[in-house]
Every structure is written in structure tokens, then in C-alpha cells.
């Protein structure tokens, strides 16, 4: 058997190779991220307080999530409502609406009247 001839690889080069291929951050990368975070925090502190969103904007109410919003729309409709009308009122895409309606139906908060039409469970 003959020995392979080639350039010997140093340990440092091997470490750099693995760090680069497996996207492992270096100390320099982390320092750059910390520097950027410090700049962003400083920028946020310099903004006038009138432009910041505060909890008092909702007058004590918790922010409404997508499921609660869809459930409220379905509850407010007397004869049931279709997915197209819900999409118009919320602006959510089809996939998000299907997931929300599936969860609400599974937890029995809404009932299916007809294909694509739902009303609140009684």
C-alpha cells in the first residue's frame, strides 16, 4: 500500500471547515449580533413615546387572537356564515381559516350547517 500524497491539513483548518459547513457561529458573529442588538435598543430608546404601542390602547382588553376573532364573527351571524365571508372580514388566507375552523369544530365551539357554512354551537 502506498501512502496518499497530499497537503497536510491543520487542525485549525479542519475546525474552520466544520464551523463553516454546519453554520456554527464564531465569536465574531456573536459579537456582531450583540452590537446590532445594542444599536437597535438604543434606537428604540430614542423614539418618542407617542409612537410606541402600549397596552392602554385596547382599554384593558387582552389582544384578540385569530381564533377568537373568527369565533366572534361566526357567533355574530345568526344563520351561519361561509368561509368566503369570514375571509372578507378577517383578511386571513384559506389555509389559516381552514386550520382555525377545524380546531373550533373539533372543540365543538362551532357546528357545520352545510359545506363551507358554520354557526356557533348552542
C-alpha atoms as a PDB file:
ATOM      1  CA  UNK A   1       0.000   0.000   0.000  1.00  0.00           C
ATOM      2  CA  UNK A   2       1.177   3.414  -0.832  1.00  0.00           C
ATOM      3  CA  UNK A   3       0.688   6.465   1.271  1.00  0.00           C
ATOM      4  CA  UNK A   4      -1.572   9.171  -0.009  1.00  0.00           C
ATOM      5  CA  UNK A   5       0.301  12.226  -1.031  1.00  0.00           C
ATOM      6  CA  UNK A   6      -1.344  15.485  -0.403  1.00  0.00           C
ATOM      7  CA  UNK A   7      -1.248  18.636   1.545  1.00  0.00           C
ATOM      8  CA  UNK A   8      -1.414  18.049   5.297  1.00  0.00           C
ATOM      9  CA  UNK A   9      -4.485  19.603   6.910  1.00  0.00           C
ATOM     10  CA  UNK A  10      -4.044  21.575  10.083  1.00  0.00           C
ATOM     11  CA  UNK A  11      -6.417  21.245  12.990  1.00  0.00           C
ATOM     12  CA  UNK A  12      -7.466  24.906  12.710  1.00  0.00           C
ATOM     13  CA  UNK A  13      -8.357  24.477   9.060  1.00  0.00           C
ATOM     14  CA  UNK A  14     -10.441  21.421   9.894  1.00  0.00           C
ATOM     15  CA  UNK A  15     -12.295  23.294  12.653  1.00  0.00           C
ATOM     16  CA  UNK A  16     -12.992  26.227  10.331  1.00  0.00           C
ATOM     17  CA  UNK A  17     -14.236  23.835   7.670  1.00  0.00           C
ATOM     18  CA  UNK A  18     -16.748  22.181  10.045  1.00  0.00           C
ATOM     19  CA  UNK A  19     -17.869  25.507  11.510  1.00  0.00           C
ATOM     20  CA  UNK A  20     -18.489  26.855   8.028  1.00  0.00           C
ATOM     21  CA  UNK A  21     -20.308  23.745   6.734  1.00  0.00           C
ATOM     22  CA  UNK A  22     -22.520  23.313   9.814  1.00  0.00           C
ATOM     23  CA  UNK A  23     -23.240  27.053  10.217  1.00  0.00           C
ATOM     24  CA  UNK A  24     -21.783  27.244  13.712  1.00  0.00           C
ATOM     25  CA  UNK A  25     -21.405  30.902  14.730  1.00  0.00           C
ATOM     26  CA  UNK A  26     -17.997  32.191  15.692  1.00  0.00           C
ATOM     27  CA  UNK A  27     -17.193  34.621  18.472  1.00  0.00           C
ATOM     28  CA  UNK A  28     -17.005  37.386  15.876  1.00  0.00           C
ATOM     29  CA  UNK A  29     -20.520  36.525  14.616  1.00  0.00           C
ATOM     30  CA  UNK A  30     -21.937  36.669  18.130  1.00  0.00           C
ATOM     31  CA  UNK A  31     -20.159  39.970  18.841  1.00  0.00           C
ATOM     32  CA  UNK A  32     -21.631  41.440  15.639  1.00  0.00           C
ATOM     33  CA  UNK A  33     -25.129  40.315  16.652  1.00  0.00           C
ATOM     34  CA  UNK A  34     -24.708  41.829  20.117  1.00  0.00           C
ATOM     35  CA  UNK A  35     -23.506  45.073  18.552  1.00  0.00           C
ATOM     36  CA  UNK A  36     -26.551  45.191  16.272  1.00  0.00           C
ATOM     37  CA  UNK A  37     -28.866  44.474  19.216  1.00  0.00           C
ATOM     38  CA  UNK A  38     -27.277  47.306  21.197  1.00  0.00           C
ATOM     39  CA  UNK A  39     -27.845  49.675  18.269  1.00  0.00           C
ATOM     40  CA  UNK A  40     -31.496  48.603  17.990  1.00  0.00           C
ATOM     41  CA  UNK A  41     -32.083  49.033  21.725  1.00  0.00           C
ATOM     42  CA  UNK A  42     -30.513  52.479  21.588  1.00  0.00           C
ATOM     43  CA  UNK A  43     -32.726  53.382  18.616  1.00  0.00           C
ATOM     44  CA  UNK A  44     -35.848  52.186  20.460  1.00  0.00           C
ATOM     45  CA  UNK A  45     -34.942  54.287  23.496  1.00  0.00           C
ATOM     46  CA  UNK A  46     -34.551  57.393  21.324  1.00  0.00           C
ATOM     47  CA  UNK A  47     -38.022  57.042  19.761  1.00  0.00           C
ATOM     48  CA  UNK A  48     -40.634  59.383  21.163  1.00  0.00           C
ATOM     49  CA  UNK A  49     -43.034  57.600  23.482  1.00  0.00           C
ATOM     50  CA  UNK A  50     -46.073  58.660  21.424  1.00  0.00           C
ATOM     51  CA  UNK A  51     -45.129  56.277  18.607  1.00  0.00           C
ATOM     52  CA  UNK A  52     -44.782  53.207  20.793  1.00  0.00           C
ATOM     53  CA  UNK A  53     -47.661  50.815  21.149  1.00  0.00           C
ATOM     54  CA  UNK A  54     -48.887  50.447  24.689  1.00  0.00           C
ATOM     55  CA  UNK A  55     -51.276  48.134  26.460  1.00  0.00           C
ATOM     56  CA  UNK A  56     -53.681  51.008  27.185  1.00  0.00           C
ATOM     57  CA  UNK A  57     -54.578  51.146  23.512  1.00  0.00           C
ATOM     58  CA  UNK A  58     -57.042  48.273  23.915  1.00  0.00           C
ATOM     59  CA  UNK A  59     -58.646  49.818  27.022  1.00  0.00           C
ATOM     60  CA  UNK A  60     -57.852  46.892  29.309  1.00  0.00           C
ATOM     61  CA  UNK A  61     -58.750  44.134  26.845  1.00  0.00           C
ATOM     62  CA  UNK A  62     -56.287  41.417  26.001  1.00  0.00           C
ATOM     63  CA  UNK A  63     -55.263  41.369  22.354  1.00  0.00           C
ATOM     64  CA  UNK A  64     -57.610  39.203  20.328  1.00  0.00           C
ATOM     65  CA  UNK A  65     -56.029  36.269  18.543  1.00  0.00           C
ATOM     66  CA  UNK A  66     -57.134  34.896  15.179  1.00  0.00           C
ATOM     67  CA  UNK A  67     -59.222  32.048  16.618  1.00  0.00           C
ATOM     68  CA  UNK A  68     -61.152  34.374  18.912  1.00  0.00           C
ATOM     69  CA  UNK A  69     -61.754  36.786  16.050  1.00  0.00           C
ATOM     70  CA  UNK A  70     -63.130  34.057  13.748  1.00  0.00           C
ATOM     71  CA  UNK A  71     -65.278  32.651  16.567  1.00  0.00           C
ATOM     72  CA  UNK A  72     -66.700  36.122  17.257  1.00  0.00           C
ATOM     73  CA  UNK A  73     -67.587  36.585  13.568  1.00  0.00           C
ATOM     74  CA  UNK A  74     -69.286  33.182  13.455  1.00  0.00           C
ATOM     75  CA  UNK A  75     -71.130  33.874  16.716  1.00  0.00           C
ATOM     76  CA  UNK A  76     -72.428  37.228  15.457  1.00  0.00           C
ATOM     77  CA  UNK A  77     -74.001  35.650  12.369  1.00  0.00           C
ATOM     78  CA  UNK A  78     -77.493  34.312  13.072  1.00  0.00           C
ATOM     79  CA  UNK A  79     -77.992  31.968  10.137  1.00  0.00           C
ATOM     80  CA  UNK A  80     -74.381  30.862   9.875  1.00  0.00           C
ATOM     81  CA  UNK A  81     -71.609  32.228   7.742  1.00  0.00           C
ATOM     82  CA  UNK A  82     -69.483  30.913   4.898  1.00  0.00           C
ATOM     83  CA  UNK A  83     -65.743  30.801   4.635  1.00  0.00           C
ATOM     84  CA  UNK A  84     -65.755  33.424   1.868  1.00  0.00           C
ATOM     85  CA  UNK A  85     -67.472  35.955   4.141  1.00  0.00           C
ATOM     86  CA  UNK A  86     -65.090  35.167   7.004  1.00  0.00           C
ATOM     87  CA  UNK A  87     -62.140  35.646   4.643  1.00  0.00           C
ATOM     88  CA  UNK A  88     -63.504  39.042   3.563  1.00  0.00           C
ATOM     89  CA  UNK A  89     -63.958  40.217   7.141  1.00  0.00           C
ATOM     90  CA  UNK A  90     -60.635  38.949   8.507  1.00  0.00           C
ATOM     91  CA  UNK A  91     -58.297  39.012   5.536  1.00  0.00           C
ATOM     92  CA  UNK A  92     -56.809  35.636   6.522  1.00  0.00           C
ATOM     93  CA  UNK A  93     -55.713  33.192   3.847  1.00  0.00           C
ATOM     94  CA  UNK A  94     -57.509  29.894   3.188  1.00  0.00           C
ATOM     95  CA  UNK A  95     -55.008  27.668   4.995  1.00  0.00           C
ATOM     96  CA  UNK A  96     -55.209  29.702   8.196  1.00  0.00           C
ATOM     97  CA  UNK A  97     -59.010  29.760   8.088  1.00  0.00           C
ATOM     98  CA  UNK A  98     -59.227  26.013   7.487  1.00  0.00           C
ATOM     99  CA  UNK A  99     -56.981  25.339  10.475  1.00  0.00           C
ATOM    100  CA  UNK A 100     -58.940  27.683  12.745  1.00  0.00           C
ATOM    101  CA  UNK A 101     -62.300  26.248  11.679  1.00  0.00           C
ATOM    102  CA  UNK A 102     -61.015  22.697  12.117  1.00  0.00           C
ATOM    103  CA  UNK A 103     -59.914  23.484  15.681  1.00  0.00           C
ATOM    104  CA  UNK A 104     -63.172  25.262  16.544  1.00  0.00           C
ATOM    105  CA  UNK A 105     -65.193  22.371  15.125  1.00  0.00           C
ATOM    106  CA  UNK A 106     -63.079  19.808  16.975  1.00  0.00           C
ATOM    107  CA  UNK A 107     -63.582  21.621  20.287  1.00  0.00           C
ATOM    108  CA  UNK A 108     -67.309  21.838  19.448  1.00  0.00           C
ATOM    109  CA  UNK A 109     -67.458  25.634  19.647  1.00  0.00           C
ATOM    110  CA  UNK A 110     -68.973  25.755  16.159  1.00  0.00           C
ATOM    111  CA  UNK A 111     -71.143  23.375  14.161  1.00  0.00           C
ATOM    112  CA  UNK A 112     -71.208  22.740  10.447  1.00  0.00           C
ATOM    113  CA  UNK A 113     -74.508  23.657   8.806  1.00  0.00           C
ATOM    114  CA  UNK A 114     -73.583  22.840   5.250  1.00  0.00           C
ATOM    115  CA  UNK A 115     -70.430  22.523   3.217  1.00  0.00           C
ATOM    116  CA  UNK A 116     -68.398  25.641   3.961  1.00  0.00           C
ATOM    117  CA  UNK A 117     -71.028  27.176   6.266  1.00  0.00           C
ATOM    118  CA  UNK A 118     -70.741  27.244  10.034  1.00  0.00           C
ATOM    119  CA  UNK A 119     -72.566  28.643  13.020  1.00  0.00           C
ATOM    120  CA  UNK A 120     -71.792  28.879  16.710  1.00  0.00           C
ATOM    121  CA  UNK A 121     -72.631  25.866  18.837  1.00  0.00           C
ATOM    122  CA  UNK A 122     -75.545  26.286  21.192  1.00  0.00           C
END
